[in-house]
Protein backbone atom coordinates (compact mmCIF):
# COMPACT_ATOMS: atom_id res chain seq x y z
CA MET A 1 -0.01 0.00 -0.07
CA LYS A 2 1.45 3.45 -0.65
CA GLY A 3 1.79 5.77 1.98
CA SER A 4 -0.86 8.21 1.24
CA SER A 5 -3.44 4.95 0.85
CA VAL A 6 -2.38 4.29 4.32
CA GLU A 7 -2.62 8.06 5.73
CA LYS A 8 -6.22 8.08 4.46
CA VAL A 9 -6.82 4.45 6.29
CA VAL A 10 -5.53 5.77 9.29
CA TRP A 11 -7.41 8.96 9.00
CA LYS A 12 -10.65 7.21 8.29
CA ALA A 13 -9.94 4.98 11.24
CA TRP A 14 -9.63 7.65 13.84
CA LYS A 15 -12.81 9.73 12.47
CA ALA A 16 -14.85 6.46 12.95
CA MET A 17 -13.62 5.72 16.84
CA GLU A 18 -15.91 5.83 19.77
CA LEU A 19 -13.91 5.81 22.58
CA PRO A 20 -14.79 5.26 26.45
CA GLU A 21 -15.12 8.81 28.26
CA GLY A 22 -11.82 9.86 29.93
CA TYR A 23 -9.64 8.60 26.69
CA ARG A 24 -8.71 10.33 23.67
CA ALA A 25 -7.27 9.23 20.28
CA GLU A 26 -4.43 11.06 18.40
CA ILE A 27 -2.39 10.40 14.93
CA VAL A 28 1.04 11.13 15.68
CA GLU A 29 3.42 10.73 13.11
CA GLY A 30 1.16 8.54 11.04
CA VAL A 31 0.04 6.30 14.21
CA ILE A 32 -3.16 6.19 16.01
CA GLU A 33 -2.50 6.23 19.75
CA VAL A 34 -4.93 6.10 22.53
CA SER A 35 -4.30 7.43 25.92
CA SER A 36 -6.25 8.09 29.19
CA ASN A 37 -6.75 11.63 29.65
CA GLY A 38 -4.40 11.62 32.66
CA GLY A 39 -4.67 11.44 36.49
CA PHE A 40 -5.09 13.71 39.02
CA ALA A 41 -1.71 15.41 39.15
CA HIS A 42 -1.81 15.95 35.22
CA ALA A 43 -5.22 17.23 35.67
CA GLN A 44 -4.44 19.61 38.14
CA VAL A 45 -1.46 21.34 36.26
CA ALA A 46 -3.16 21.43 32.89
CA ASN A 47 -6.33 23.00 34.93
CA ARG A 48 -3.68 25.48 37.00
CA LEU A 49 -2.54 26.54 33.34
CA TRP A 50 -5.65 26.69 31.58
CA ASP A 51 -7.32 29.07 34.45
CA ALA A 52 -3.86 30.90 34.23
CA LEU A 53 -3.67 31.58 30.82
CA ALA A 54 -7.68 32.06 30.36
CA ASP A 55 -7.13 34.79 32.74
CA PHE A 56 -4.50 36.27 30.78
CA LEU A 57 -5.95 36.26 27.38
CA ARG A 58 -9.25 37.64 28.79
CA ASP A 59 -9.21 41.29 27.19
CA SER A 60 -7.52 39.21 23.57
CA GLU A 61 -9.20 37.92 20.43
CA TYR A 62 -7.53 34.85 21.71
CA GLY A 63 -8.45 32.19 24.16
CA ALA A 64 -7.24 29.26 26.36
CA TRP A 65 -8.69 25.95 24.65
CA SER A 66 -8.74 22.50 26.27
CA VAL A 67 -9.94 19.09 25.01
CA THR A 68 -9.83 20.15 21.38
CA ASP A 69 -8.59 18.64 18.61
CA VAL A 70 -6.10 20.30 16.38
CA ILE A 71 -6.05 18.94 12.65
CA HIS A 72 -3.04 19.43 10.14
CA ARG A 73 -3.42 17.47 7.06
CA ARG A 74 -4.13 13.82 8.27
CA THR A 75 -3.00 14.10 11.74
CA ALA A 76 -4.86 14.84 14.89
CA TRP A 77 -3.61 15.70 18.58
CA THR A 78 -5.56 16.83 21.23
CA PRO A 79 -3.21 18.76 23.56
CA ASP A 80 -3.70 19.64 27.21
CA VAL A 81 -4.02 23.29 26.32
CA LEU A 82 -3.91 25.24 23.31
CA VAL A 83 -4.30 29.14 22.11
CA ALA A 84 -6.13 30.02 19.09
CA PRO A 85 -9.00 32.77 18.44
CA ARG A 86 -11.25 32.90 20.76
CA ASP A 87 -13.98 32.76 18.18
CA GLY A 88 -12.89 29.49 16.40
CA LYS A 89 -14.96 29.44 13.34
CA PRO A 90 -12.38 30.86 11.06
CA GLY A 91 -10.03 28.19 12.27
CA ALA A 92 -12.34 25.39 12.13
CA ALA A 93 -11.37 22.41 10.41
CA LYS A 94 -13.38 20.70 7.63
CA GLY A 95 -16.23 18.85 9.06
CA GLY A 96 -16.02 20.47 12.49
CA LEU A 97 -13.35 17.88 13.75
CA GLY A 98 -11.63 20.60 15.68
CA LEU A 99 -9.34 23.53 14.90
CA LYS A 100 -6.76 23.47 11.73
CA ALA A 101 -3.16 23.89 13.23
CA SER A 102 -2.61 27.00 10.70
CA ALA A 103 -4.94 28.68 13.67
CA VAL A 104 -3.26 27.76 16.81
CA ARG A 105 -0.61 29.87 18.04
CA MET A 106 0.40 28.19 21.33
CA VAL A 107 0.13 24.16 22.52
CA VAL A 108 0.91 22.77 25.93
CA GLU A 109 1.34 19.16 26.90
CA VAL A 110 1.61 18.11 30.31
CA VAL A 111 3.35 14.81 30.45
CA SER A 112 1.77 11.43 32.02
CA PRO A 113 3.72 8.82 33.66
CA GLY A 114 3.68 6.12 31.40
CA LYS A 115 6.94 5.47 29.17
CA ARG A 116 5.06 5.77 25.88
CA ASP A 117 3.16 8.67 26.82
CA GLN A 118 6.67 10.32 27.59
CA GLU A 119 7.95 9.26 24.08
CA ARG A 120 4.83 10.62 22.54
CA ASP A 121 4.93 14.18 24.13
CA ARG A 122 9.00 14.43 23.90
CA PHE A 123 9.45 13.06 20.69
CA GLY A 124 6.66 12.42 18.35
CA LYS A 125 4.47 15.63 19.37
CA ARG A 126 7.36 17.74 19.19
CA ARG A 127 8.15 16.73 15.71
CA ASP A 128 4.80 17.14 14.61
CA TYR A 129 4.14 20.32 15.89
CA ALA A 130 7.22 21.74 14.20
CA ARG A 131 6.06 19.97 11.15
CA ALA A 132 2.64 22.07 11.26
CA GLY A 133 4.46 25.25 11.77
CA ILE A 134 2.85 25.94 15.30
CA PRO A 135 4.82 29.03 16.60
CA VAL A 136 5.22 27.99 20.21
CA TYR A 137 5.34 24.33 21.97
CA VAL A 138 5.35 24.23 25.92
CA LEU A 139 6.08 20.77 27.43
CA VAL A 140 5.60 20.74 31.26
CA ASP A 141 7.08 17.54 32.16
CA ASP A 142 6.98 16.23 35.80
CA TYR A 143 9.46 12.95 34.90
CA ASP A 144 12.05 15.19 33.51
CA GLY A 145 14.66 15.00 36.41
CA GLN A 146 13.16 16.92 39.50
CA GLY A 147 10.46 18.27 36.90
CA ALA A 148 11.27 20.77 34.00
CA VAL A 149 9.40 22.96 31.54
CA THR A 150 10.84 23.06 28.02
CA LEU A 151 10.04 25.83 25.47
CA PHE A 152 10.16 25.27 22.02
CA THR A 153 9.89 28.38 19.83
CA MET A 154 10.88 29.28 15.80
CA PRO A 155 9.39 25.75 14.43
CA GLN A 156 11.64 24.42 11.22
CA PRO A 157 8.56 22.24 9.61
CA ASP A 158 11.04 20.97 6.84
CA ARG A 159 13.42 19.64 9.66
CA ALA A 160 10.41 18.67 11.94
CA ASP A 161 12.58 20.64 14.78
CA TRP A 162 12.63 23.71 16.43
CA GLU A 163 15.36 26.54 16.03
CA ASP A 164 14.86 27.71 19.83
CA ILE A 165 14.55 25.05 22.58
CA HIS A 166 14.80 26.39 26.15
CA ARG A 167 14.36 23.88 28.90
CA VAL A 168 14.35 24.98 32.68
CA PRO A 169 14.01 23.08 36.14
CA TYR A 170 10.48 23.42 38.06
CA GLY A 171 11.05 26.75 40.48
CA THR A 172 12.50 28.75 37.29
CA ASP A 173 9.92 30.81 35.86
CA VAL A 174 9.40 30.62 32.05
CA THR A 175 8.12 33.52 29.95
CA ILE A 176 6.26 33.22 26.74
CA PRO A 177 8.61 35.09 24.05
CA GLU A 178 5.90 35.62 21.32
CA GLY A 179 2.25 35.20 20.06
CA PRO A 180 -0.62 36.10 21.95
CA ALA A 181 0.29 34.74 25.06
CA LYS A 182 3.50 36.71 25.02
CA GLY A 183 4.65 37.68 28.57
CA PHE A 184 2.61 34.59 30.07
CA VAL A 185 4.62 33.06 33.02
CA ILE A 186 4.66 29.36 33.84
CA GLY A 187 6.08 29.21 37.28
CA GLU A 188 5.45 27.18 40.40
CA ALA A 189 2.23 28.28 40.70
CA ILE A 190 1.20 26.33 37.85
CA THR A 191 3.88 23.49 37.89
CA GLY A 192 4.31 23.14 41.85
CA PRO A 193 7.85 22.97 43.41
CA LYS A 194 10.63 20.79 42.27
CA ARG A 195 9.70 17.21 43.23
CA GLY A 196 12.13 16.22 46.34
CA SER A 197 12.14 19.86 47.34
């Protein structure tokens, strides 16, 4: 089967999936991945981040979104939090499947404890988000040392990588350098303190 034929089959299978509540299916680097929405610690960080980001963007034409699929060609992701136009209609993907990646200004993933979950967020989604040209990717990773936040900017779609990567341990503030969330700070109020401290 040709590559594009496989992509079509994967895309059709993803669109037809019906999962139990609490699970999500994504297409990451051409493979359907099913995962849980995460445990309490994961949800706590994602909710703190969403609340703070929604407040930061309150008077902006952009808003904080969650539980929304992002579509790029025949790839689909469900980031924990993203920034896109508050009125999502101009950025809506065909068939109402979610938002087009071109409308998304920032994505945030909070890493879950499983090895496969960690690999997906650290590597697969990192490459896919760069391929899609999403301007900012934030990775909140409780399992990187004693916890770390990595900020990826300046995507290089042709290389599936990022020109600027800035990683800091929990306890150090990270400031979003560009886009609608420029100036937004991710610190201990969102991540909590370093593990073990």
